[in-house]
Protein backbone atom coordinates (compact mmCIF):
# COMPACT_ATOMS: atom_id res chain seq x y z
CA MET A 1 0.00 0.00 0.00
CA VAL A 2 1.35 3.44 -0.96
CA ILE A 3 0.11 6.48 0.97
CA LEU A 4 0.70 10.16 0.24
CA GLY A 5 0.58 12.38 3.32
CA ILE A 6 0.08 16.12 2.84
CA ASP A 7 0.48 19.03 5.27
CA PRO A 8 -1.11 21.88 3.30
CA ALA A 9 0.02 25.50 3.24
CA ILE A 10 -0.06 28.13 0.51
CA ARG A 11 3.71 28.77 0.65
CA THR A 12 5.23 25.53 2.02
CA THR A 13 3.21 22.33 1.60
CA GLY A 14 4.94 19.32 3.09
CA TYR A 15 4.50 15.87 1.59
CA GLY A 16 5.55 12.36 2.49
CA VAL A 17 5.10 9.17 0.50
CA ILE A 18 5.32 5.84 2.29
CA ARG A 19 4.92 2.20 1.32
CA THR A 20 3.80 -0.45 3.75
CA ASP A 21 2.78 -4.07 3.38
CA SER A 22 2.42 -4.84 7.08
CA LEU A 23 2.39 -3.07 10.42
CA SER A 24 6.02 -4.03 10.96
CA HIS A 25 7.34 -2.83 7.59
CA LEU A 26 7.27 0.81 6.55
CA GLU A 27 9.41 2.56 3.96
CA ILE A 28 9.67 6.25 3.11
CA LEU A 29 9.65 6.52 -0.67
CA ASP A 30 9.95 10.31 -0.79
CA CYS A 31 9.39 13.38 1.31
CA GLY A 32 9.82 17.06 0.73
CA VAL A 33 8.14 20.38 0.18
CA ILE A 34 6.20 22.09 -2.56
CA ALA A 35 7.50 25.62 -2.04
CA ASN A 36 6.03 28.87 -3.33
CA SER A 37 7.73 32.24 -3.15
CA PRO A 38 6.05 34.87 -0.98
CA LYS A 39 6.11 37.09 -4.08
CA LEU A 40 3.75 34.82 -6.03
CA PRO A 41 0.02 35.62 -6.11
CA HIS A 42 -2.22 33.07 -4.44
CA SER A 43 -3.64 31.94 -7.79
CA GLU A 44 -0.16 30.95 -9.00
CA CYS A 45 0.57 29.19 -5.70
CA LEU A 46 -2.62 27.15 -6.10
CA ARG A 47 -1.68 26.20 -9.67
CA ARG A 48 1.75 25.08 -8.50
CA LEU A 49 0.34 23.13 -5.54
CA ALA A 50 -2.13 21.24 -7.72
CA GLY A 51 0.59 20.56 -10.30
CA GLY A 52 2.96 19.30 -7.60
CA ILE A 53 0.34 16.93 -6.23
CA ARG A 54 -0.42 15.64 -9.73
CA GLU A 55 3.29 14.96 -10.26
CA LEU A 56 3.50 13.02 -6.98
CA VAL A 57 0.43 10.97 -7.92
CA GLN A 58 1.90 10.18 -11.35
CA ALA A 59 5.26 9.23 -9.86
CA PHE A 60 4.08 7.06 -6.94
CA HIS A 61 0.50 5.99 -7.77
CA PRO A 62 -0.72 6.23 -4.16
CA ASP A 63 -3.58 4.01 -3.04
CA TYR A 64 -4.64 6.65 -0.50
CA ALA A 65 -3.82 10.17 0.58
CA SER A 66 -4.10 11.68 4.02
CA ILE A 67 -4.29 15.39 4.70
CA GLU A 68 -4.41 17.53 7.79
CA GLU A 69 -7.89 18.43 9.01
CA PRO A 70 -8.71 22.11 8.72
CA PHE A 71 -8.53 24.18 11.86
CA MET A 72 -9.66 27.68 12.71
CA GLY A 73 -7.01 29.87 14.22
CA ARG A 74 -7.39 33.40 15.47
CA ASN A 75 -6.81 34.95 12.06
CA ALA A 76 -9.71 34.42 9.65
CA SER A 77 -7.61 35.54 6.67
CA THR A 78 -5.02 32.83 7.37
CA ALA A 79 -7.78 30.22 7.67
CA ILE A 80 -9.22 31.27 4.31
CA ILE A 81 -5.82 31.07 2.60
CA LEU A 82 -5.18 27.64 4.14
CA GLY A 83 -8.62 26.56 2.93
CA MET A 84 -7.74 27.67 -0.59
CA ALA A 85 -4.51 25.62 -0.50
CA ARG A 86 -6.35 22.61 0.84
CA GLY A 87 -9.01 22.97 -1.87
CA GLY A 88 -6.43 23.07 -4.64
CA ILE A 89 -4.73 19.98 -3.26
CA LEU A 90 -8.01 18.09 -2.80
CA THR A 91 -9.09 18.94 -6.35
CA ALA A 92 -5.88 17.44 -7.77
CA LEU A 93 -6.32 14.30 -5.64
CA VAL A 94 -9.99 13.84 -6.60
CA GLU A 95 -9.19 14.35 -10.29
CA SER A 96 -6.56 11.63 -9.95
CA GLY A 97 -8.98 9.25 -8.24
CA VAL A 98 -7.00 9.04 -4.98
CA PRO A 99 -9.26 8.48 -1.93
CA THR A 100 -8.30 11.07 0.67
CA TYR A 101 -8.77 11.01 4.44
CA ALA A 102 -8.30 13.79 6.98
CA TYR A 103 -6.71 13.55 10.43
CA SER A 104 -5.91 16.08 13.11
CA PRO A 105 -2.24 16.93 13.68
CA LYS A 106 -2.38 15.45 17.19
CA THR A 107 -3.90 12.17 15.97
CA ALA A 108 -1.28 11.85 13.23
CA LYS A 109 1.66 12.61 15.53
CA ARG A 110 0.37 10.22 18.18
CA ALA A 111 0.09 7.43 15.60
CA ALA A 112 3.56 8.09 14.18
CA VAL A 113 5.64 8.73 17.29
CA GLY A 114 3.46 8.09 20.33
CA THR A 115 2.65 11.64 21.39
CA GLY A 116 0.38 14.22 19.83
CA MET A 117 2.58 17.04 21.10
CA ALA A 118 5.77 15.99 19.24
CA THR A 119 7.73 18.71 17.46
CA LYS A 120 8.83 18.46 13.85
CA GLU A 121 12.37 17.80 15.07
CA GLN A 122 11.25 14.96 17.34
CA ILE A 123 9.28 13.34 14.53
CA ALA A 124 12.30 13.53 12.20
CA ILE A 125 14.63 12.04 14.84
CA LEU A 126 12.28 9.17 15.68
CA LEU A 127 11.48 8.31 12.06
CA ALA A 128 15.15 8.42 11.06
CA ALA A 129 16.09 6.12 13.94
CA GLU A 130 13.17 3.73 13.44
CA LEU A 131 13.55 3.46 9.67
CA GLY A 132 17.33 3.53 9.56
CA ILE A 133 17.66 6.57 7.32
CA GLU A 134 19.72 9.73 7.61
CA ILE A 135 17.88 12.51 9.38
CA GLU A 136 19.04 14.95 6.68
CA ARG A 137 16.77 13.10 4.24
CA ILE A 138 13.70 14.25 6.19
CA PRO A 139 12.97 17.97 5.67
CA LEU A 140 11.29 19.40 8.77
CA ASP A 141 8.37 20.72 6.72
CA SER A 142 7.60 17.16 5.60
CA THR A 143 7.46 15.58 9.07
CA ASP A 144 3.77 16.26 9.70
CA ALA A 145 2.96 14.90 6.23
CA LEU A 146 4.87 11.70 7.00
CA ALA A 147 3.00 11.42 10.31
CA LEU A 148 -0.31 11.78 8.42
CA ALA A 149 0.66 8.99 6.01
CA ILE A 150 1.76 6.71 8.87
CA CYS A 151 -1.46 7.43 10.76
CA HIS A 152 -3.55 6.33 7.80
CA ALA A 153 -1.42 3.23 7.28
CA GLN A 154 -1.87 2.16 10.89
CA LEU A 155 -5.64 2.54 10.71
CA ALA A 156 -5.98 0.92 7.27
CA MET A 157 -3.84 -2.09 8.24
CA ARG A 158 -5.85 -2.82 11.38
CA PRO A 159 -9.40 -3.92 10.57
CA THR A 160 -10.54 -3.23 14.14
CA LEU A 161 -9.49 0.42 13.77
CA ALA A 162 -10.63 0.96 10.17
CA GLU A 163 -13.89 2.56 11.35
CA LYS A 164 -11.83 5.43 12.84
CA MET A 165 -10.71 6.38 9.33
CA GLY A 166 -14.09 7.80 8.56
CA LYS A 167 -15.21 8.32 5.00
CA PRO A 168 -13.01 9.71 2.25
CA LEU A 169 -13.36 13.45 1.70
């Protein structure tokens, strides 16, 4: 099973692609960031985000995607911009036929490293140690995306927990 995890943002969207065939075997296929310059208008950022997601889908053919649940912060403008980024990403995933599930950051971090309060640095350290890869291969902006992918894998691989996945978006 291949899972694409996505931590959406208009300027720096983190992604992580994992493959798993059992609960005891997990492999990071790729992780990184779709970056947009602060000088770009939002419309161009959305075009680049959707294009980046399409490229990842074409390269890895994920069975599922997992994305961070939306949250409402104190700044309504920031929430609207995040919603636009999320919408562009979801559109690209739906067009590609990839079922997508949403999880809270705390749920994803707890599934990946055992605590919902883990920092990006802690996630990178634990994943590097557990998977035997160099920590430099895990950009900090991709750690939450990797946690989202791992969270979905753990739920999908355990039939007794599959109901917690909810329905695809």
